[in-house]
PDB file of all heavy atoms in Angstrom:
ATOM      1  N   ASP A   1     142.871 208.570  13.604  1.00  0.00           N
ATOM      2  CA  ASP A   1     142.985 208.573  12.141  1.00  0.00           C
ATOM      3  C   ASP A   1     141.996 209.510  11.467  1.00  0.00           C
ATOM      4  O   ASP A   1     142.005 209.660  10.244  1.00  0.00           O
ATOM      5  CB  ASP A   1     142.854 207.161  11.584  1.00  0.00           C
ATOM      6  CG  ASP A   1     141.495 206.522  11.861  1.00  0.00           C
ATOM      7  OD1 ASP A   1     140.592 207.215  12.374  1.00  0.00           O
ATOM      8  OD2 ASP A   1     141.339 205.323  11.567  1.00  0.00           O
ATOM      9  N   GLY A   2     141.105 210.137  12.243  1.00  0.00           N
ATOM     10  CA  GLY A   2     140.144 211.081  11.680  1.00  0.00           C
ATOM     11  C   GLY A   2     138.933 210.442  11.049  1.00  0.00           C
ATOM     12  O   GLY A   2     138.044 211.146  10.567  1.00  0.00           O
ATOM     13  N   THR A   3     138.874 209.113  11.038  1.00  0.00           N
ATOM     14  CA  THR A   3     137.735 208.420  10.427  1.00  0.00           C
ATOM     15  C   THR A   3     136.960 207.593  11.448  1.00  0.00           C
ATOM     16  O   THR A   3     136.233 206.670  11.087  1.00  0.00           O
ATOM     17  CB  THR A   3     138.196 207.515   9.277  1.00  0.00           C
ATOM     18  OG1 THR A   3     139.090 206.507   9.778  1.00  0.00           O
ATOM     19  CG2 THR A   3     138.896 208.314   8.197  1.00  0.00           C
ATOM     20  N   GLY A   4     137.137 207.912  12.732  1.00  0.00           N
ATOM     21  CA  GLY A   4     136.350 207.258  13.768  1.00  0.00           C
ATOM     22  C   GLY A   4     137.106 206.329  14.690  1.00  0.00           C
ATOM     23  O   GLY A   4     136.494 205.681  15.546  1.00  0.00           O
ATOM     24  N   HIS A   5     138.432 206.240  14.550  1.00  0.00           N
ATOM     25  CA  HIS A   5     139.190 205.278  15.346  1.00  0.00           C
ATOM     26  C   HIS A   5     140.290 205.966  16.153  1.00  0.00           C
ATOM     27  O   HIS A   5     140.968 206.873  15.676  1.00  0.00           O
ATOM     28  CB  HIS A   5     139.832 204.224  14.445  1.00  0.00           C
ATOM     29  CG  HIS A   5     138.880 203.577  13.502  1.00  0.00           C
ATOM     30  ND1 HIS A   5     137.905 202.694  13.913  1.00  0.00           N
ATOM     31  CD2 HIS A   5     138.729 203.695  12.159  1.00  0.00           C
ATOM     32  CE1 HIS A   5     137.210 202.283  12.875  1.00  0.00           C
ATOM     33  NE2 HIS A   5     137.686 202.892  11.797  1.00  0.00           N
ATOM     34  N   PHE A   6     140.477 205.467  17.386  1.00  0.00           N
ATOM     35  CA  PHE A   6     141.629 205.790  18.212  1.00  0.00           C
ATOM     36  C   PHE A   6     142.486 204.531  18.321  1.00  0.00           C
ATOM     37  O   PHE A   6     141.972 203.409  18.263  1.00  0.00           O
ATOM     38  CB  PHE A   6     141.216 206.224  19.622  1.00  0.00           C
ATOM     39  CG  PHE A   6     140.480 207.536  19.683  1.00  0.00           C
ATOM     40  CD1 PHE A   6     139.213 207.608  20.257  1.00  0.00           C
ATOM     41  CD2 PHE A   6     141.050 208.692  19.200  1.00  0.00           C
ATOM     42  CE1 PHE A   6     138.537 208.813  20.331  1.00  0.00           C
ATOM     43  CE2 PHE A   6     140.394 209.900  19.270  1.00  0.00           C
ATOM     44  CZ  PHE A   6     139.131 209.959  19.831  1.00  0.00           C
ATOM     45  N   TYR A   7     143.770 204.743  18.508  1.00  0.00           N
ATOM     46  CA  TYR A   7     144.684 203.616  18.677  1.00  0.00           C
ATOM     47  C   TYR A   7     145.606 203.893  19.860  1.00  0.00           C
ATOM     48  O   TYR A   7     146.296 204.912  19.881  1.00  0.00           O
ATOM     49  CB  TYR A   7     145.533 203.399  17.418  1.00  0.00           C
ATOM     50  CG  TYR A   7     144.717 203.182  16.163  1.00  0.00           C
ATOM     51  CD1 TYR A   7     144.357 204.265  15.365  1.00  0.00           C
ATOM     52  CD2 TYR A   7     144.299 201.908  15.788  1.00  0.00           C
ATOM     53  CE1 TYR A   7     143.604 204.080  14.218  1.00  0.00           C
ATOM     54  CE2 TYR A   7     143.542 201.708  14.639  1.00  0.00           C
ATOM     55  CZ  TYR A   7     143.198 202.797  13.858  1.00  0.00           C
ATOM     56  OH  TYR A   7     142.445 202.617  12.724  1.00  0.00           O
ATOM     57  N   ARG A   8     145.586 202.980  20.819  1.00  0.00           N
ATOM     58  CA  ARG A   8     146.569 203.062  21.903  1.00  0.00           C
ATOM     59  C   ARG A   8     147.841 202.407  21.392  1.00  0.00           C
ATOM     60  O   ARG A   8     147.820 201.264  20.923  1.00  0.00           O
ATOM     61  CB  ARG A   8     146.052 202.358  23.156  1.00  0.00           C
ATOM     62  CG  ARG A   8     146.956 202.523  24.374  1.00  0.00           C
ATOM     63  CD  ARG A   8     146.269 202.012  25.637  1.00  0.00           C
ATOM     64  NE  ARG A   8     146.034 200.586  25.592  1.00  0.00           N
ATOM     65  CZ  ARG A   8     146.913 199.647  25.979  1.00  0.00           C
ATOM     66  NH1 ARG A   8     148.117 200.022  26.443  1.00  0.00           N
ATOM     67  NH2 ARG A   8     146.619 198.369  25.903  1.00  0.00           N
ATOM     68  N   ALA A   9     148.932 203.143  21.440  1.00  0.00           N
ATOM     69  CA  ALA A   9     150.170 202.664  20.835  1.00  0.00           C
ATOM     70  C   ALA A   9     151.359 202.895  21.752  1.00  0.00           C
ATOM     71  O   ALA A   9     151.272 203.642  22.735  1.00  0.00           O
ATOM     72  CB  ALA A   9     150.399 203.352  19.489  1.00  0.00           C
ATOM     73  N   GLU A  10     152.448 202.251  21.405  1.00  0.00           N
ATOM     74  CA  GLU A  10     153.697 202.388  22.162  1.00  0.00           C
ATOM     75  C   GLU A  10     154.824 202.731  21.200  1.00  0.00           C
ATOM     76  O   GLU A  10     154.902 202.162  20.100  1.00  0.00           O
ATOM     77  CB  GLU A  10     154.017 201.083  22.880  1.00  0.00           C
ATOM     78  CG  GLU A  10     155.290 201.116  23.708  1.00  0.00           C
ATOM     79  CD  GLU A  10     155.561 199.782  24.382  1.00  0.00           C
ATOM     80  OE1 GLU A  10     156.155 198.900  23.738  1.00  0.00           O
ATOM     81  OE2 GLU A  10     155.144 199.641  25.550  1.00  0.00           O
ATOM     82  N   ILE A  11     155.652 203.661  21.600  1.00  0.00           N
ATOM     83  CA  ILE A  11     156.806 204.022  20.771  1.00  0.00           C
ATOM     84  C   ILE A  11     157.828 202.883  20.822  1.00  0.00           C
ATOM     85  O   ILE A  11     158.212 202.428  21.903  1.00  0.00           O
ATOM     86  CB  ILE A  11     157.442 205.335  21.254  1.00  0.00           C
ATOM     87  CG1 ILE A  11     156.440 206.494  21.088  1.00  0.00           C
ATOM     88  CG2 ILE A  11     158.724 205.634  20.476  1.00  0.00           C
ATOM     89  CD1 ILE A  11     156.946 207.818  21.608  1.00  0.00           C
ATOM     90  N   THR A  12     158.243 202.435  19.651  1.00  0.00           N
ATOM     91  CA  THR A  12     159.187 201.311  19.578  1.00  0.00           C
ATOM     92  C   THR A  12     160.610 201.736  19.256  1.00  0.00           C
ATOM     93  O   THR A  12     161.563 201.047  19.621  1.00  0.00           O
ATOM     94  CB  THR A  12     158.719 200.298  18.522  1.00  0.00           C
ATOM     95  OG1 THR A  12     158.581 200.962  17.252  1.00  0.00           O
ATOM     96  CG2 THR A  12     157.372 199.691  18.919  1.00  0.00           C
ATOM     97  N   ALA A  13     160.762 202.874  18.566  1.00  0.00           N
ATOM     98  CA  ALA A  13     162.114 203.348  18.216  1.00  0.00           C
ATOM     99  C   ALA A  13     162.033 204.814  17.827  1.00  0.00           C
ATOM    100  O   ALA A  13     161.014 205.279  17.307  1.00  0.00           O
ATOM    101  CB  ALA A  13     162.707 202.524  17.069  1.00  0.00           C
ATOM    102  N   THR A  14     163.106 205.536  18.071  1.00  0.00           N
ATOM    103  CA  THR A  14     163.161 206.952  17.713  1.00  0.00           C
ATOM    104  C   THR A  14     164.528 207.290  17.150  1.00  0.00           C
ATOM    105  O   THR A  14     165.522 206.619  17.415  1.00  0.00           O
ATOM    106  CB  THR A  14     162.904 207.855  18.939  1.00  0.00           C
ATOM    107  OG1 THR A  14     163.957 207.667  19.889  1.00  0.00           O
ATOM    108  CG2 THR A  14     161.560 207.560  19.577  1.00  0.00           C
ATOM    109  N   SER A  15     164.539 208.363  16.354  1.00  0.00           N
ATOM    110  CA  SER A  15     165.792 208.967  15.892  1.00  0.00           C
ATOM    111  C   SER A  15     165.569 210.465  15.891  1.00  0.00           C
ATOM    112  O   SER A  15     164.558 210.938  16.419  1.00  0.00           O
ATOM    113  CB  SER A  15     166.165 208.451  14.494  1.00  0.00           C
ATOM    114  OG  SER A  15     165.231 208.897  13.531  1.00  0.00           O
ATOM    115  N   SER A  16     166.445 211.221  15.299  1.00  0.00           N
ATOM    116  CA  SER A  16     166.306 212.675  15.341  1.00  0.00           C
ATOM    117  C   SER A  16     165.036 213.162  14.663  1.00  0.00           C
ATOM    118  O   SER A  16     164.454 214.180  15.048  1.00  0.00           O
ATOM    119  CB  SER A  16     167.518 213.343  14.696  1.00  0.00           C
ATOM    120  OG  SER A  16     167.641 212.926  13.337  1.00  0.00           O
ATOM    121  N   LYS A  17     164.565 212.443  13.643  1.00  0.00           N
ATOM    122  CA  LYS A  17     163.399 212.898  12.882  1.00  0.00           C
ATOM    123  C   LYS A  17     162.314 211.836  12.731  1.00  0.00           C
ATOM    124  O   LYS A  17     161.306 212.082  12.074  1.00  0.00           O
ATOM    125  CB  LYS A  17     163.833 213.360  11.490  1.00  0.00           C
ATOM    126  CG  LYS A  17     164.758 214.568  11.481  1.00  0.00           C
ATOM    127  CD  LYS A  17     165.093 214.978  10.061  1.00  0.00           C
ATOM    128  CE  LYS A  17     166.020 216.199  10.046  1.00  0.00           C
ATOM    129  NZ  LYS A  17     166.368 216.599   8.643  1.00  0.00           N
ATOM    130  N   HIS A  18     162.508 210.675  13.314  1.00  0.00           N
ATOM    131  CA  HIS A  18     161.562 209.575  13.112  1.00  0.00           C
ATOM    132  C   HIS A  18     161.083 209.024  14.446  1.00  0.00           C
ATOM    133  O   HIS A  18     161.830 208.960  15.424  1.00  0.00           O
ATOM    134  CB  HIS A  18     162.213 208.453  12.293  1.00  0.00           C
ATOM    135  CG  HIS A  18     162.672 208.889  10.937  1.00  0.00           C
ATOM    136  ND1 HIS A  18     161.831 208.961   9.847  1.00  0.00           N
ATOM    137  CD2 HIS A  18     163.894 209.297  10.494  1.00  0.00           C
ATOM    138  CE1 HIS A  18     162.503 209.379   8.786  1.00  0.00           C
ATOM    139  NE2 HIS A  18     163.765 209.598   9.159  1.00  0.00           N
ATOM    140  N   CYS A  19     159.815 208.620  14.443  1.00  0.00           N
ATOM    141  CA  CYS A  19     159.213 208.054  15.645  1.00  0.00           C
ATOM    142  C   CYS A  19     158.353 206.859  15.218  1.00  0.00           C
ATOM    143  O   CYS A  19     157.302 207.031  14.604  1.00  0.00           O
ATOM    144  CB  CYS A  19     158.362 209.098  16.366  1.00  0.00           C
ATOM    145  SG  CYS A  19     157.643 208.522  17.917  1.00  0.00           S
ATOM    146  N   LEU A  20     158.814 205.658  15.527  1.00  0.00           N
ATOM    147  CA  LEU A  20     158.111 204.434  15.160  1.00  0.00           C
ATOM    148  C   LEU A  20     157.209 203.998  16.309  1.00  0.00           C
ATOM    149  O   LEU A  20     157.522 204.228  17.480  1.00  0.00           O
ATOM    150  CB  LEU A  20     159.105 203.331  14.818  1.00  0.00           C
ATOM    151  CG  LEU A  20     160.130 203.645  13.724  1.00  0.00           C
ATOM    152  CD1 LEU A  20     161.007 202.433  13.460  1.00  0.00           C
ATOM    153  CD2 LEU A  20     159.440 204.097  12.445  1.00  0.00           C
ATOM    154  N   TYR A  21     156.106 203.340  15.960  1.00  0.00           N
ATOM    155  CA  TYR A  21     155.168 202.908  16.990  1.00  0.00           C
ATOM    156  C   TYR A  21     154.603 201.534  16.655  1.00  0.00           C
ATOM    157  O   TYR A  21     154.663 201.057  15.510  1.00  0.00           O
ATOM    158  CB  TYR A  21     154.014 203.913  17.132  1.00  0.00           C
ATOM    159  CG  TYR A  21     153.143 204.066  15.902  1.00  0.00           C
ATOM    160  CD1 TYR A  21     152.115 203.152  15.632  1.00  0.00           C
ATOM    161  CD2 TYR A  21     153.326 205.122  15.015  1.00  0.00           C
ATOM    162  CE1 TYR A  21     151.305 203.299  14.511  1.00  0.00           C
ATOM    163  CE2 TYR A  21     152.529 205.269  13.896  1.00  0.00           C
ATOM    164  CZ  TYR A  21     151.519 204.354  13.644  1.00  0.00           C
ATOM    165  OH  TYR A  21     150.726 204.490  12.536  1.00  0.00           O
ATOM    166  N   SER A  22     154.027 200.936  17.678  1.00  0.00           N
ATOM    167  CA  SER A  22     153.324 199.669  17.540  1.00  0.00           C
ATOM    168  C   SER A  22     151.957 199.820  18.198  1.00  0.00           C
ATOM    169  O   SER A  22     151.853 200.327  19.322  1.00  0.00           O
ATOM    170  CB  SER A  22     154.111 198.544  18.225  1.00  0.00           C
ATOM    171  OG  SER A  22     153.377 197.333  18.202  1.00  0.00           O
ATOM    172  N   ILE A  23     150.913 199.404  17.500  1.00  0.00           N
ATOM    173  CA  ILE A  23     149.545 199.555  18.017  1.00  0.00           C
ATOM    174  C   ILE A  23     149.251 198.456  19.032  1.00  0.00           C
ATOM    175  O   ILE A  23     149.462 197.267  18.769  1.00  0.00           O
ATOM    176  CB  ILE A  23     148.522 199.526  16.872  1.00  0.00           C
ATOM    177  CG1 ILE A  23     148.676 200.789  16.007  1.00  0.00           C
ATOM    178  CG2 ILE A  23     147.095 199.426  17.421  1.00  0.00           C
ATOM    179  CD1 ILE A  23     147.771 200.830  14.801  1.00  0.00           C
ATOM    180  N   LEU A  24     148.757 198.857  20.184  1.00  0.00           N
ATOM    181  CA  LEU A  24     148.416 197.926  21.259  1.00  0.00           C
ATOM    182  C   LEU A  24     146.924 197.633  21.322  1.00  0.00           C
ATOM    183  O   LEU A  24     146.511 196.538  21.705  1.00  0.00           O
ATOM    184  CB  LEU A  24     148.867 198.487  22.616  1.00  0.00           C
ATOM    185  CG  LEU A  24     150.339 198.869  22.743  1.00  0.00           C
ATOM    186  CD1 LEU A  24     150.587 199.528  24.099  1.00  0.00           C
ATOM    187  CD2 LEU A  24     151.232 197.652  22.552  1.00  0.00           C
ATOM    188  N   GLU A  25     146.114 198.635  20.948  1.00  0.00           N
ATOM    189  CA  GLU A  25     144.667 198.484  21.075  1.00  0.00           C
ATOM    190  C   GLU A  25     143.973 199.442  20.113  1.00  0.00           C
ATOM    191  O   GLU A  25     144.408 200.576  19.924  1.00  0.00           O
ATOM    192  CB  GLU A  25     144.232 198.797  22.515  1.00  0.00           C
ATOM    193  CG  GLU A  25     142.747 198.682  22.773  1.00  0.00           C
ATOM    194  CD  GLU A  25     142.362 199.116  24.179  1.00  0.00           C
ATOM    195  OE1 GLU A  25     143.242 199.648  24.904  1.00  0.00           O
ATOM    196  OE2 GLU A  25     141.195 198.932  24.548  1.00  0.00           O
TER     197      GLU A  25
END
């Protein structure tokens, strides 16, 4: 996020122009 945090995430859904995710850690 550029403010000091990393997020391990998983892609939950995709389309031609969209990529949804869910944060795991």
